[in-house]
Amino acid sequence: MGSFKVKAKVRAVEGSKSIEVELLVDSGSTYTVLPQSVLNDLGVIPKSDVKLKIADGSTIVRKKGEVVLEIDGNSVTTQVVFGNEGVYLLGSVTMEEMALTPDLINKKLVPVEAYMMLV
């Protein structure tokens, strides 16, 4: 199985400057995470703090904002965590918002059906 990365374009919700990044697909991460310096350069404004449990079981607090993220022509406004340098993660919230799921065997994101239980 293993992990894989995807290319994405990211920009601030209120901005026009965008950059291309390579994100590690991490279904174990709730939120998408980008380095704080990248988000600051794009003009992303922190909206709130978020408590996060990390792999060693400890809890950290980070700033959270919103970006527009595009993968293969599929674009969504999503929450993003201001992370450490070198950390580029595509989290499960963003994948759900884009109706995508990881195919670990073929190392790509694949579409899934979106559901609505009420009509």
Protein backbone atom coordinates (compact mmCIF):
# COMPACT_ATOMS: atom_id res chain seq x y z
CA MET A 1 0.00 0.00 0.00
CA GLY A 2 1.82 3.14 1.15
CA SER A 3 1.42 6.85 0.76
CA PHE A 4 1.36 9.15 -2.23
CA LYS A 5 1.30 12.83 -3.14
CA VAL A 6 -0.96 14.92 -5.37
CA LYS A 7 -0.39 18.26 -7.06
CA ALA A 8 -2.71 21.08 -6.06
CA LYS A 9 -3.14 24.78 -6.68
CA VAL A 10 -3.83 26.88 -3.58
CA ARG A 11 -4.76 30.53 -2.98
CA ALA A 12 -6.28 32.69 -0.27
CA VAL A 13 -10.08 32.98 -0.42
CA GLU A 14 -9.80 36.75 -0.96
CA GLY A 15 -6.59 36.60 -3.00
CA SER A 16 -5.54 36.21 -6.60
CA LYS A 17 -1.98 34.94 -6.04
CA SER A 18 -1.83 31.16 -6.23
CA ILE A 19 0.92 28.57 -5.97
CA GLU A 20 1.27 24.93 -6.93
CA VAL A 21 2.10 22.53 -4.12
CA GLU A 22 2.56 18.81 -3.70
CA LEU A 23 0.44 17.42 -0.85
CA LEU A 24 0.92 14.13 0.97
CA VAL A 25 -2.49 12.42 1.01
CA ASP A 26 -3.15 11.82 4.71
CA SER A 27 -6.58 10.41 5.54
CA GLY A 28 -5.45 10.25 9.18
CA SER A 29 -5.17 14.04 9.29
CA THR A 30 -8.47 15.83 9.82
CA TYR A 31 -7.43 19.09 8.15
CA THR A 32 -5.24 20.07 5.26
CA VAL A 33 -1.95 21.50 6.55
CA LEU A 34 0.41 23.92 4.81
CA PRO A 35 3.49 25.71 6.15
CA GLN A 36 2.71 28.93 7.98
CA SER A 37 5.15 30.84 5.75
CA VAL A 38 3.34 29.70 2.58
CA LEU A 39 -0.06 30.70 3.97
CA ASN A 40 1.29 34.08 5.13
CA ASP A 41 2.79 34.71 1.66
CA LEU A 42 -0.60 34.00 0.09
CA GLY A 43 -2.34 36.38 2.51
CA VAL A 44 -4.37 33.70 4.29
CA ILE A 45 -5.84 35.14 7.49
CA PRO A 46 -5.98 32.94 10.61
CA LYS A 47 -9.63 32.70 11.73
CA SER A 48 -9.36 30.56 14.86
CA ASP A 49 -7.23 28.22 16.93
CA VAL A 50 -7.65 24.45 16.69
CA LYS A 51 -6.50 21.73 19.09
CA LEU A 52 -4.91 18.79 17.30
CA LYS A 53 -3.80 15.40 18.56
CA ILE A 54 -0.57 14.34 16.88
CA ALA A 55 0.93 10.91 16.23
CA ASP A 56 2.72 10.65 19.59
CA GLY A 57 -0.58 11.26 21.43
CA SER A 58 0.22 14.79 22.57
CA THR A 59 -1.98 17.80 21.79
CA ILE A 60 -0.89 20.98 20.03
CA VAL A 61 -2.71 24.22 19.17
CA ARG A 62 -2.37 25.78 15.72
CA LYS A 63 -4.00 28.61 13.79
CA LYS A 64 -6.64 27.70 11.20
CA GLY A 65 -7.87 29.63 8.16
CA GLU A 66 -9.43 29.02 4.75
CA VAL A 67 -8.01 28.58 1.27
CA VAL A 68 -9.28 27.73 -2.18
CA LEU A 69 -7.69 24.44 -3.18
CA GLU A 70 -7.83 22.90 -6.67
CA ILE A 71 -6.94 19.33 -7.62
CA ASP A 72 -7.41 18.14 -11.22
CA GLY A 73 -9.85 20.96 -11.98
CA ASN A 74 -11.94 20.25 -8.87
CA SER A 75 -11.97 23.36 -6.66
CA VAL A 76 -13.22 23.88 -3.10
CA THR A 77 -12.95 26.41 -0.29
CA THR A 78 -11.58 24.45 2.66
CA GLN A 79 -10.10 24.83 6.12
CA VAL A 80 -6.32 24.80 6.42
CA VAL A 81 -4.00 24.57 9.42
CA PHE A 82 -0.93 26.81 9.70
CA GLY A 83 1.74 24.13 10.00
CA ASN A 84 5.48 23.81 10.43
CA GLU A 85 7.91 24.33 7.56
CA GLY A 86 7.97 21.44 5.12
CA VAL A 87 4.56 20.06 6.14
CA TYR A 88 2.19 19.71 3.17
CA LEU A 89 -0.78 17.43 3.97
CA LEU A 90 -4.12 16.88 2.25
CA GLY A 91 -6.54 16.08 5.08
CA SER A 92 -9.76 14.10 5.18
CA VAL A 93 -12.10 17.12 5.49
CA THR A 94 -10.86 18.53 2.18
CA MET A 95 -11.09 15.13 0.48
CA GLU A 96 -14.68 14.72 1.69
CA GLU A 97 -15.57 18.24 0.50
CA MET A 98 -14.18 17.31 -2.93
CA ALA A 99 -15.91 13.88 -2.94
CA LEU A 100 -12.53 12.17 -3.34
CA THR A 101 -11.00 9.18 -1.59
CA PRO A 102 -7.48 7.76 -1.71
CA ASP A 103 -6.83 4.68 -3.84
CA LEU A 104 -3.68 3.44 -2.10
CA ILE A 105 -3.00 0.63 -4.56
CA ASN A 106 -3.00 2.86 -7.64
CA LYS A 107 -1.70 5.88 -5.69
CA LYS A 108 -4.30 8.38 -6.81
CA LEU A 109 -7.45 10.13 -5.63
CA VAL A 110 -10.69 8.74 -7.02
CA PRO A 111 -14.21 10.20 -7.02
CA VAL A 112 -16.82 8.86 -4.61
CA GLU A 113 -20.56 9.38 -4.50
CA ALA A 114 -21.74 12.22 -2.33
CA TYR A 115 -24.81 11.58 -0.19
CA MET A 116 -27.79 13.58 0.99
CA MET A 117 -30.30 11.67 3.09
CA LEU A 118 -33.12 14.21 2.89
CA VAL A 119 -34.90 15.53 -0.18
